């Protein structure tokens, strides 16, 4: 009788990489009213009044503040929409993105 040999089946699953994350950064300026910055942070980033105020004050004191971390597409979209909200009201409000390390 021939010898039967069992060969285990192995499935090779490609390991999917997590998407790289990007920081959305609020850049301080001396012209945009604080209340407007808080309103934008609440509207675009769904922050509470308290969170938005703390982010705004940190940016005011340090020059910049990380608002949130998202995938690249989401971060760029949110930064663009928030910056455009400032431009629509005539303010130089600026949000930027950069890769998280």
PDB file of N, CA and C in Angstrom:
ATOM      1  N   UNK A   1       0.836  -1.156   0.000  1.00  0.00           N
ATOM      2  CA  UNK A   1       0.000   0.000   0.000  1.00  0.00           C
ATOM      3  C   UNK A   1       0.901   1.246   0.000  1.00  0.00           C
ATOM      4  N   UNK A   2       0.629   2.223  -0.911  1.00  0.00           N
ATOM      5  CA  UNK A   2       1.466   3.430  -0.959  1.00  0.00           C
ATOM      6  C   UNK A   2       1.225   4.307   0.267  1.00  0.00           C
ATOM      7  N   UNK A   3       2.286   4.967   0.650  1.00  0.00           N
ATOM      8  CA  UNK A   3       2.203   5.829   1.831  1.00  0.00           C
ATOM      9  C   UNK A   3       1.533   7.156   1.446  1.00  0.00           C
ATOM     10  N   UNK A   4       0.568   7.591   2.259  1.00  0.00           N
ATOM     11  CA  UNK A   4      -0.142   8.840   2.004  1.00  0.00           C
ATOM     12  C   UNK A   4       0.505   9.942   2.835  1.00  0.00           C
ATOM     13  N   UNK A   5       0.796  11.000   2.164  1.00  0.00           N
ATOM     14  CA  UNK A   5       1.424  12.103   2.857  1.00  0.00           C
ATOM     15  C   UNK A   5       0.501  13.316   2.815  1.00  0.00           C
ATOM     16  N   UNK A   6       0.235  13.883   3.959  1.00  0.00           N
ATOM     17  CA  UNK A   6      -0.635  15.060   4.028  1.00  0.00           C
ATOM     18  C   UNK A   6       0.224  16.321   3.964  1.00  0.00           C
ATOM     19  N   UNK A   7      -0.126  17.176   3.051  1.00  0.00           N
ATOM     20  CA  UNK A   7       0.582  18.439   2.912  1.00  0.00           C
ATOM     21  C   UNK A   7      -0.375  19.546   3.384  1.00  0.00           C
ATOM     22  N   UNK A   8       0.003  20.257   4.409  1.00  0.00           N
ATOM     23  CA  UNK A   8      -0.900  21.304   4.907  1.00  0.00           C
ATOM     24  C   UNK A   8      -1.026  22.444   3.896  1.00  0.00           C
ATOM     25  N   UNK A   9      -2.240  22.932   3.785  1.00  0.00           N
ATOM     26  CA  UNK A   9      -2.473  24.065   2.888  1.00  0.00           C
ATOM     27  C   UNK A   9      -2.193  25.348   3.659  1.00  0.00           C
ATOM     28  N   UNK A  10      -1.407  26.175   3.074  1.00  0.00           N
ATOM     29  CA  UNK A  10      -1.131  27.451   3.713  1.00  0.00           C
ATOM     30  C   UNK A  10      -1.594  28.561   2.784  1.00  0.00           C
ATOM     31  N   UNK A  11      -2.267  29.490   3.361  1.00  0.00           N
ATOM     32  CA  UNK A  11      -2.702  30.643   2.588  1.00  0.00           C
ATOM     33  C   UNK A  11      -1.773  31.800   2.933  1.00  0.00           C
ATOM     34  N   UNK A  12      -1.226  32.369   1.923  1.00  0.00           N
ATOM     35  CA  UNK A  12      -0.378  33.527   2.135  1.00  0.00           C
ATOM     36  C   UNK A  12      -1.246  34.770   2.040  1.00  0.00           C
ATOM     37  N   UNK A  13      -1.351  35.444   3.137  1.00  0.00           N
ATOM     38  CA  UNK A  13      -2.123  36.679   3.158  1.00  0.00           C
ATOM     39  C   UNK A  13      -1.146  37.845   3.143  1.00  0.00           C
ATOM     40  N   UNK A  14      -1.309  38.702   2.169  1.00  0.00           N
ATOM     41  CA  UNK A  14      -0.421  39.865   2.161  1.00  0.00           C
ATOM     42  C   UNK A  14      -0.732  40.739   3.376  1.00  0.00           C
ATOM     43  N   UNK A  15       0.301  41.181   4.012  1.00  0.00           N
ATOM     44  CA  UNK A  15       0.123  42.019   5.185  1.00  0.00           C
ATOM     45  C   UNK A  15      -0.178  43.445   4.728  1.00  0.00           C
ATOM     46  N   UNK A  16      -1.350  43.915   5.100  1.00  0.00           N
ATOM     47  CA  UNK A  16      -1.703  45.270   4.697  1.00  0.00           C
ATOM     48  C   UNK A  16      -1.112  46.264   5.688  1.00  0.00           C
ATOM     49  N   UNK A  17      -0.541  47.302   5.136  1.00  0.00           N
ATOM     50  CA  UNK A  17       0.079  48.315   5.964  1.00  0.00           C
ATOM     51  C   UNK A  17      -0.964  49.318   6.416  1.00  0.00           C
ATOM     52  N   UNK A  18      -0.815  49.771   7.645  1.00  0.00           N
ATOM     53  CA  UNK A  18      -1.706  50.822   8.133  1.00  0.00           C
ATOM     54  C   UNK A  18      -1.383  52.105   7.375  1.00  0.00           C
ATOM     55  N   UNK A  19      -2.412  52.887   7.073  1.00  0.00           N
ATOM     56  CA  UNK A  19      -2.124  54.139   6.361  1.00  0.00           C
ATOM     57  C   UNK A  19      -1.337  55.100   7.249  1.00  0.00           C
ATOM     58  N   UNK A  20      -0.477  55.847   6.619  1.00  0.00           N
ATOM     59  CA  UNK A  20       0.315  56.830   7.359  1.00  0.00           C
ATOM     60  C   UNK A  20      -0.609  57.954   7.829  1.00  0.00           C
ATOM     61  N   UNK A  21      -0.355  58.433   9.038  1.00  0.00           N
ATOM     62  CA  UNK A  21      -1.201  59.470   9.612  1.00  0.00           C
ATOM     63  C   UNK A  21      -0.569  60.848   9.430  1.00  0.00           C
ATOM     64  N   UNK A  22      -1.433  61.851   9.352  1.00  0.00           N
ATOM     65  CA  UNK A  22      -0.987  63.233   9.191  1.00  0.00           C
ATOM     66  C   UNK A  22      -1.631  64.106  10.262  1.00  0.00           C
ATOM     67  N   UNK A  23      -0.857  65.071  10.742  1.00  0.00           N
ATOM     68  CA  UNK A  23      -1.350  66.003  11.751  1.00  0.00           C
ATOM     69  C   UNK A  23      -1.972  67.216  11.063  1.00  0.00           C
ATOM     70  N   UNK A  24      -3.090  67.683  11.608  1.00  0.00           N
ATOM     71  CA  UNK A  24      -3.665  68.952  11.183  1.00  0.00           C
ATOM     72  C   UNK A  24      -3.188  69.980  12.203  1.00  0.00           C
ATOM     73  N   UNK A  25      -2.571  71.040  11.709  1.00  0.00           N
ATOM     74  CA  UNK A  25      -1.950  72.031  12.584  1.00  0.00           C
ATOM     75  C   UNK A  25      -2.599  73.399  12.379  1.00  0.00           C
ATOM     76  N   UNK A  26      -2.990  74.019  13.488  1.00  0.00           N
ATOM     77  CA  UNK A  26      -3.513  75.384  13.473  1.00  0.00           C
ATOM     78  C   UNK A  26      -2.337  76.336  13.626  1.00  0.00           C
ATOM     79  N   UNK A  27      -2.221  77.284  12.688  1.00  0.00           N
ATOM     80  CA  UNK A  27      -1.148  78.274  12.724  1.00  0.00           C
ATOM     81  C   UNK A  27      -1.729  79.584  13.256  1.00  0.00           C
ATOM     82  N   UNK A  28      -1.103  80.132  14.267  1.00  0.00           N
ATOM     83  CA  UNK A  28      -1.587  81.365  14.886  1.00  0.00           C
ATOM     84  C   UNK A  28      -1.380  82.562  13.971  1.00  0.00           C
ATOM     85  N   UNK A  29      -2.329  83.483  14.029  1.00  0.00           N
ATOM     86  CA  UNK A  29      -2.151  84.781  13.386  1.00  0.00           C
ATOM     87  C   UNK A  29      -2.740  85.832  14.330  1.00  0.00           C
ATOM     88  N   UNK A  30      -2.390  87.095  14.102  1.00  0.00           N
ATOM     89  CA  UNK A  30      -2.827  88.156  15.005  1.00  0.00           C
ATOM     90  C   UNK A  30      -4.098  88.860  14.542  1.00  0.00           C
ATOM     91  N   UNK A  31      -4.755  88.336  13.528  1.00  0.00           N
ATOM     92  CA  UNK A  31      -5.900  89.036  12.956  1.00  0.00           C
ATOM     93  C   UNK A  31      -7.223  88.299  13.095  1.00  0.00           C
ATOM     94  N   UNK A  32      -7.205  86.976  13.108  1.00  0.00           N
ATOM     95  CA  UNK A  32      -8.448  86.201  13.196  1.00  0.00           C
ATOM     96  C   UNK A  32      -8.966  86.237  14.633  1.00  0.00           C
ATOM     97  N   UNK A  33     -10.221  86.642  14.830  1.00  0.00           N
ATOM     98  CA  UNK A  33     -10.777  86.689  16.191  1.00  0.00           C
ATOM     99  C   UNK A  33     -10.795  85.305  16.844  1.00  0.00           C
ATOM    100  N   UNK A  34     -10.530  85.288  18.119  1.00  0.00           N
ATOM    101  CA  UNK A  34     -10.490  84.024  18.864  1.00  0.00           C
ATOM    102  C   UNK A  34     -11.820  83.281  18.779  1.00  0.00           C
ATOM    103  N   UNK A  35     -12.913  84.016  18.888  1.00  0.00           N
ATOM    104  CA  UNK A  35     -14.234  83.376  18.834  1.00  0.00           C
ATOM    105  C   UNK A  35     -14.466  82.673  17.502  1.00  0.00           C
ATOM    106  N   UNK A  36     -13.968  83.289  16.424  1.00  0.00           N
ATOM    107  CA  UNK A  36     -14.137  82.670  15.110  1.00  0.00           C
ATOM    108  C   UNK A  36     -13.318  81.381  15.012  1.00  0.00           C
ATOM    109  N   UNK A  37     -12.100  81.388  15.535  1.00  0.00           N
ATOM    110  CA  UNK A  37     -11.255  80.190  15.521  1.00  0.00           C
ATOM    111  C   UNK A  37     -11.951  79.063  16.288  1.00  0.00           C
ATOM    112  N   UNK A  38     -12.509  79.382  17.450  1.00  0.00           N
ATOM    113  CA  UNK A  38     -13.224  78.385  18.253  1.00  0.00           C
ATOM    114  C   UNK A  38     -14.416  77.837  17.471  1.00  0.00           C
ATOM    115  N   UNK A  39     -15.145  78.717  16.788  1.00  0.00           N
ATOM    116  CA  UNK A  39     -16.300  78.281  15.991  1.00  0.00           C
ATOM    117  C   UNK A  39     -15.881  77.323  14.886  1.00  0.00           C
ATOM    118  N   UNK A  40     -14.783  77.624  14.203  1.00  0.00           N
ATOM    119  CA  UNK A  40     -14.286  76.744  13.130  1.00  0.00           C
ATOM    120  C   UNK A  40     -13.858  75.391  13.701  1.00  0.00           C
ATOM    121  N   UNK A  41     -13.147  75.408  14.815  1.00  0.00           N
ATOM    122  CA  UNK A  41     -12.698  74.156  15.431  1.00  0.00           C
ATOM    123  C   UNK A  41     -13.889  73.302  15.855  1.00  0.00           C
ATOM    124  N   UNK A  42     -14.910  73.929  16.393  1.00  0.00           N
ATOM    125  CA  UNK A  42     -16.106  73.189  16.800  1.00  0.00           C
ATOM    126  C   UNK A  42     -16.832  72.618  15.586  1.00  0.00           C
ATOM    127  N   UNK A  43     -16.942  73.424  14.531  1.00  0.00           N
ATOM    128  CA  UNK A  43     -17.688  72.994  13.350  1.00  0.00           C
ATOM    129  C   UNK A  43     -16.981  71.945  12.516  1.00  0.00           C
ATOM    130  N   UNK A  44     -15.714  72.163  12.242  1.00  0.00           N
ATOM    131  CA  UNK A  44     -14.984  71.262  11.335  1.00  0.00           C
ATOM    132  C   UNK A  44     -14.408  70.044  12.040  1.00  0.00           C
ATOM    133  N   UNK A  45     -14.001  70.218  13.286  1.00  0.00           N
ATOM    134  CA  UNK A  45     -13.331  69.124  13.995  1.00  0.00           C
ATOM    135  C   UNK A  45     -14.187  68.528  15.112  1.00  0.00           C
ATOM    136  N   UNK A  46     -15.421  68.982  15.212  1.00  0.00           N
ATOM    137  CA  UNK A  46     -16.395  68.445  16.182  1.00  0.00           C
ATOM    138  C   UNK A  46     -15.857  68.459  17.609  1.00  0.00           C
ATOM    139  N   UNK A  47     -15.261  69.579  17.982  1.00  0.00           N
ATOM    140  CA  UNK A  47     -14.725  69.727  19.334  1.00  0.00           C
ATOM    141  C   UNK A  47     -15.779  70.378  20.224  1.00  0.00           C
ATOM    142  N   UNK A  48     -15.629  70.155  21.516  1.00  0.00           N
ATOM    143  CA  UNK A  48     -16.476  70.872  22.467  1.00  0.00           C
ATOM    144  C   UNK A  48     -15.949  72.304  22.575  1.00  0.00           C
ATOM    145  N   UNK A  49     -16.729  73.154  23.186  1.00  0.00           N
ATOM    146  CA  UNK A  49     -16.315  74.554  23.384  1.00  0.00           C
ATOM    147  C   UNK A  49     -14.991  74.609  24.144  1.00  0.00           C
ATOM    148  N   UNK A  50     -14.886  73.795  25.188  1.00  0.00           N
ATOM    149  CA  UNK A  50     -13.697  73.778  26.027  1.00  0.00           C
ATOM    150  C   UNK A  50     -12.462  73.295  25.254  1.00  0.00           C
ATOM    151  N   UNK A  51     -12.608  72.206  24.511  1.00  0.00           N
ATOM    152  CA  UNK A  51     -11.483  71.677  23.725  1.00  0.00           C
ATOM    153  C   UNK A  51     -11.024  72.701  22.689  1.00  0.00           C
ATOM    154  N   UNK A  52     -11.984  73.288  21.987  1.00  0.00           N
ATOM    155  CA  UNK A  52     -11.654  74.263  20.941  1.00  0.00           C
ATOM    156  C   UNK A  52     -10.935  75.470  21.539  1.00  0.00           C
ATOM    157  N   UNK A  53     -11.374  75.916  22.690  1.00  0.00           N
ATOM    158  CA  UNK A  53     -10.740  77.062  23.344  1.00  0.00           C
ATOM    159  C   UNK A  53      -9.288  76.733  23.726  1.00  0.00           C
ATOM    160  N   UNK A  54      -9.073  75.527  24.266  1.00  0.00           N
ATOM    161  CA  UNK A  54      -7.718  75.137  24.668  1.00  0.00           C
ATOM    162  C   UNK A  54      -6.784  75.047  23.462  1.00  0.00           C
ATOM    163  N   UNK A  55      -7.276  74.499  22.350  1.00  0.00           N
ATOM    164  CA  UNK A  55      -6.453  74.407  21.126  1.00  0.00           C
ATOM    165  C   UNK A  55      -6.118  75.809  20.626  1.00  0.00           C
ATOM    166  N   UNK A  56      -7.112  76.694  20.616  1.00  0.00           N
ATOM    167  CA  UNK A  56      -6.907  78.061  20.144  1.00  0.00           C
ATOM    168  C   UNK A  56      -5.887  78.790  21.021  1.00  0.00           C
ATOM    169  N   UNK A  57      -6.005  78.664  22.333  1.00  0.00           N
ATOM    170  CA  UNK A  57      -5.071  79.331  23.256  1.00  0.00           C
ATOM    171  C   UNK A  57      -3.657  78.764  23.109  1.00  0.00           C
ATOM    172  N   UNK A  58      -3.538  77.454  22.938  1.00  0.00           N
ATOM    173  CA  UNK A  58      -2.216  76.842  22.749  1.00  0.00           C
ATOM    174  C   UNK A  58      -1.558  77.380  21.487  1.00  0.00           C
ATOM    175  N   UNK A  59      -2.325  77.471  20.403  1.00  0.00           N
ATOM    176  CA  UNK A  59      -1.777  78.026  19.158  1.00  0.00           C
ATOM    177  C   UNK A  59      -1.394  79.485  19.351  1.00  0.00           C
ATOM    178  N   UNK A  60      -2.190  80.211  20.099  1.00  0.00           N
ATOM    179  CA  UNK A  60      -1.907  81.627  20.343  1.00  0.00           C
ATOM    180  C   UNK A  60      -0.613  81.798  21.133  1.00  0.00           C
ATOM    181  N   UNK A  61      -0.394  80.939  22.122  1.00  0.00           N
ATOM    182  CA  UNK A  61       0.784  81.060  22.975  1.00  0.00           C
ATOM    183  C   UNK A  61       2.046  80.498  22.328  1.00  0.00           C
ATOM    184  N   UNK A  62       1.912  79.411  21.602  1.00  0.00           N
ATOM    185  CA  UNK A  62       3.102  78.735  21.039  1.00  0.00           C
ATOM    186  C   UNK A  62       3.322  78.981  19.558  1.00  0.00           C
ATOM    187  N   UNK A  63       2.340  79.572  18.900  1.00  0.00           N
ATOM    188  CA  UNK A  63       2.476  79.825  17.467  1.00  0.00           C
ATOM    189  C   UNK A  63       1.782  78.789  16.599  1.00  0.00           C
ATOM    190  N   UNK A  64       1.781  77.542  17.041  1.00  0.00           N
ATOM    191  CA  UNK A  64       1.089  76.467  16.326  1.00  0.00           C
ATOM    192  C   UNK A  64       0.542  75.481  17.344  1.00  0.00           C
ATOM    193  N   UNK A  65      -0.429  74.675  16.912  1.00  0.00           N
ATOM    194  CA  UNK A  65      -0.975  73.635  17.779  1.00  0.00           C
ATOM    195  C   UNK A  65      -1.527  72.505  16.908  1.00  0.00           C
ATOM    196  N   UNK A  66      -1.228  71.269  17.275  1.00  0.00           N
ATOM    197  CA  UNK A  66      -1.793  70.123  16.567  1.00  0.00           C
ATOM    198  C   UNK A  66      -3.260  70.021  16.967  1.00  0.00           C
ATOM    199  N   UNK A  67      -4.136  70.040  15.975  1.00  0.00           N
ATOM    200  CA  UNK A  67      -5.574  69.988  16.218  1.00  0.00           C
ATOM    201  C   UNK A  67      -6.034  68.546  16.319  1.00  0.00           C
ATOM    202  N   UNK A  68      -5.622  67.707  15.348  1.00  0.00           N
ATOM    203  CA  UNK A  68      -6.051  66.318  15.310  1.00  0.00           C
ATOM    204  C   UNK A  68      -5.126  65.549  14.373  1.00  0.00           C
ATOM    205  N   UNK A  69      -5.265  64.226  14.392  1.00  0.00           N
ATOM    206  CA  UNK A  69      -4.466  63.356  13.531  1.00  0.00           C
ATOM    207  C   UNK A  69      -5.420  62.460  12.742  1.00  0.00           C
ATOM    208  N   UNK A  70      -5.237  62.440  11.422  1.00  0.00           N
ATOM    209  CA  UNK A  70      -6.097  61.665  10.522  1.00  0.00           C
ATOM    210  C   UNK A  70      -5.242  61.013   9.440  1.00  0.00           C
ATOM    211  N   UNK A  71      -5.888  60.206   8.604  1.00  0.00           N
ATOM    212  CA  UNK A  71      -5.209  59.737   7.397  1.00  0.00           C
ATOM    213  C   UNK A  71      -4.978  60.954   6.503  1.00  0.00           C
ATOM    214  N   UNK A  72      -4.088  60.832   5.539  1.00  0.00           N
ATOM    215  CA  UNK A  72      -3.681  61.982   4.735  1.00  0.00           C
ATOM    216  C   UNK A  72      -4.857  62.684   4.051  1.00  0.00           C
ATOM    217  N   UNK A  73      -5.715  61.922   3.407  1.00  0.00           N
ATOM    218  CA  UNK A  73      -6.834  62.526   2.676  1.00  0.00           C
ATOM    219  C   UNK A  73      -7.771  63.296   3.594  1.00  0.00           C
ATOM    220  N   UNK A  74      -8.103  62.695   4.716  1.00  0.00           N
ATOM    221  CA  UNK A  74      -9.014  63.341   5.662  1.00  0.00           C
ATOM    222  C   UNK A  74      -8.357  64.593   6.246  1.00  0.00           C
ATOM    223  N   UNK A  75      -7.085  64.490   6.616  1.00  0.00           N
ATOM    224  CA  UNK A  75      -6.371  65.634   7.200  1.00  0.00           C
ATOM    225  C   UNK A  75      -6.323  66.800   6.213  1.00  0.00           C
ATOM    226  N   UNK A  76      -5.998  66.515   4.961  1.00  0.00           N
ATOM    227  CA  UNK A  76      -5.909  67.582   3.966  1.00  0.00           C
ATOM    228  C   UNK A  76      -7.273  68.212   3.694  1.00  0.00           C
ATOM    229  N   UNK A  77      -8.305  67.386   3.654  1.00  0.00           N
ATOM    230  CA  UNK A  77      -9.658  67.901   3.421  1.00  0.00           C
ATOM    231  C   UNK A  77     -10.098  68.817   4.558  1.00  0.00           C
ATOM    232  N   UNK A  78      -9.904  68.360   5.789  1.00  0.00           N
ATOM    233  CA  UNK A  78     -10.319  69.166   6.944  1.00  0.00           C
ATOM    234  C   UNK A  78      -9.516  70.465   7.035  1.00  0.00           C
ATOM    235  N   UNK A  79      -8.211  70.390   6.796  1.00  0.00           N
ATOM    236  CA  UNK A  79      -7.375  71.594   6.844  1.00  0.00           C
ATOM    237  C   UNK A  79      -7.808  72.589   5.766  1.00  0.00           C
ATOM    238  N   UNK A  80      -8.094  72.105   4.591  1.00  0.00           N
ATOM    239  CA  UNK A  80      -8.520  72.973   3.490  1.00  0.00           C
ATOM    240  C   UNK A  80      -9.866  73.625   3.797  1.00  0.00           C
ATOM    241  N   UNK A  81     -10.812  72.825   4.272  1.00  0.00           N
ATOM    242  CA  UNK A  81     -12.140  73.364   4.579  1.00  0.00           C
ATOM    243  C   UNK A  81     -12.077  74.406   5.697  1.00  0.00           C
ATOM    244  N   UNK A  82     -11.266  74.156   6.720  1.00  0.00           N
ATOM    245  CA  UNK A  82     -11.148  75.096   7.829  1.00  0.00           C
ATOM    246  C   UNK A  82     -10.470  76.393   7.367  1.00  0.00           C
ATOM    247  N   UNK A  83      -9.441  76.277   6.535  1.00  0.00           N
ATOM    248  CA  UNK A  83      -8.757  77.455   6.010  1.00  0.00           C
ATOM    249  C   UNK A  83      -9.702  78.265   5.120  1.00  0.00           C
ATOM    250  N   UNK A  84     -10.486  77.581   4.305  1.00  0.00           N
ATOM    251  CA  UNK A  84     -11.431  78.258   3.418  1.00  0.00           C
ATOM    252  C   UNK A  84     -12.542  78.955   4.203  1.00  0.00           C
ATOM    253  N   UNK A  85     -12.916  78.398   5.354  1.00  0.00           N
ATOM    254  CA  UNK A  85     -13.924  79.049   6.198  1.00  0.00           C
ATOM    255  C   UNK A  85     -13.402  80.408   6.653  1.00  0.00           C
ATOM    256  N   UNK A  86     -12.125  80.484   6.977  1.00  0.00           N
ATOM    257  CA  UNK A  86     -11.521  81.760   7.349  1.00  0.00           C
ATOM    258  C   UNK A  86     -11.463  82.729   6.189  1.00  0.00           C
ATOM    259  N   UNK A  87     -11.077  82.229   5.026  1.00  0.00           N
ATOM    260  CA  UNK A  87     -10.996  83.089   3.838  1.00  0.00           C
ATOM    261  C   UNK A  87     -12.364  83.640   3.462  1.00  0.00           C
ATOM    262  N   UNK A  88     -13.394  82.821   3.629  1.00  0.00           N
ATOM    263  CA  UNK A  88     -14.756  83.252   3.293  1.00  0.00           C
ATOM    264  C   UNK A  88     -15.186  84.442   4.144  1.00  0.00           C
ATOM    265  N   UNK A  89     -14.659  84.549   5.358  1.00  0.00           N
ATOM    266  CA  UNK A  89     -14.981  85.667   6.254  1.00  0.00           C
ATOM    267  C   UNK A  89     -13.923  86.775   6.197  1.00  0.00           C
ATOM    268  N   UNK A  90     -12.908  86.576   5.348  1.00  0.00           N
ATOM    269  CA  UNK A  90     -11.881  87.597   5.183  1.00  0.00           C
ATOM    270  C   UNK A  90     -10.757  87.532   6.202  1.00  0.00           C
ATOM    271  N   UNK A  91     -10.579  86.379   6.850  1.00  0.00           N
ATOM    272  CA  UNK A  91      -9.522  86.222   7.852  1.00  0.00           C
ATOM    273  C   UNK A  91      -8.381  85.375   7.288  1.00  0.00           C
ATOM    274  N   UNK A  92      -7.152  85.616   7.766  1.00  0.00           N
ATOM    275  CA  UNK A  92      -6.010  84.828   7.292  1.00  0.00           C
ATOM    276  C   UNK A  92      -5.827  83.515   8.071  1.00  0.00           C
ATOM    277  N   UNK A  93      -6.900  82.945   8.585  1.00  0.00           N
ATOM    278  CA  UNK A  93      -6.838  81.698   9.346  1.00  0.00           C
ATOM    279  C   UNK A  93      -6.180  80.620   8.499  1.00  0.00           C
ATOM    280  N   UNK A  94      -5.224  79.892   9.088  1.00  0.00           N
ATOM    281  CA  UNK A  94      -4.505  78.891   8.313  1.00  0.00           C
ATOM    282  C   UNK A  94      -4.343  77.590   9.095  1.00  0.00           C
ATOM    283  N   UNK A  95      -4.675  76.501   8.429  1.00  0.00           N
ATOM    284  CA  UNK A  95      -4.445  75.154   8.926  1.00  0.00           C
ATOM    285  C   UNK A  95      -3.538  74.466   7.922  1.00  0.00           C
ATOM    286  N   UNK A  96      -2.562  73.713   8.411  1.00  0.00           N
ATOM    287  CA  UNK A  96      -1.657  72.973   7.542  1.00  0.00           C
ATOM    288  C   UNK A  96      -1.672  71.500   7.962  1.00  0.00           C
ATOM    289  N   UNK A  97      -1.037  70.660   7.153  1.00  0.00           N
ATOM    290  CA  UNK A  97      -0.892  69.254   7.504  1.00  0.00           C
ATOM    291  C   UNK A  97       0.573  68.864   7.368  1.00  0.00           C
ATOM    292  N   UNK A  98       0.968  67.868   8.135  1.00  0.00           N
ATOM    293  CA  UNK A  98       2.301  67.296   7.967  1.00  0.00           C
ATOM    294  C   UNK A  98       2.260  65.854   8.466  1.00  0.00           C
ATOM    295  N   UNK A  99       3.111  64.999   7.911  1.00  0.00           N
ATOM    296  CA  UNK A  99       3.115  63.597   8.321  1.00  0.00           C
ATOM    297  C   UNK A  99       3.480  63.446   9.799  1.00  0.00           C
ATOM    298  N   UNK A 100       2.833  62.486  10.440  1.00  0.00           N
ATOM    299  CA  UNK A 100       3.165  62.199  11.821  1.00  0.00           C
ATOM    300  C   UNK A 100       4.383  61.294  11.841  1.00  0.00           C
ATOM    301  N   UNK A 101       5.270  61.515  12.774  1.00  0.00           N
ATOM    302  CA  UNK A 101       6.507  60.730  12.834  1.00  0.00           C
ATOM    303  C   UNK A 101       6.323  59.446  13.590  1.00  0.00           C
TER     304      UNK A 101
END
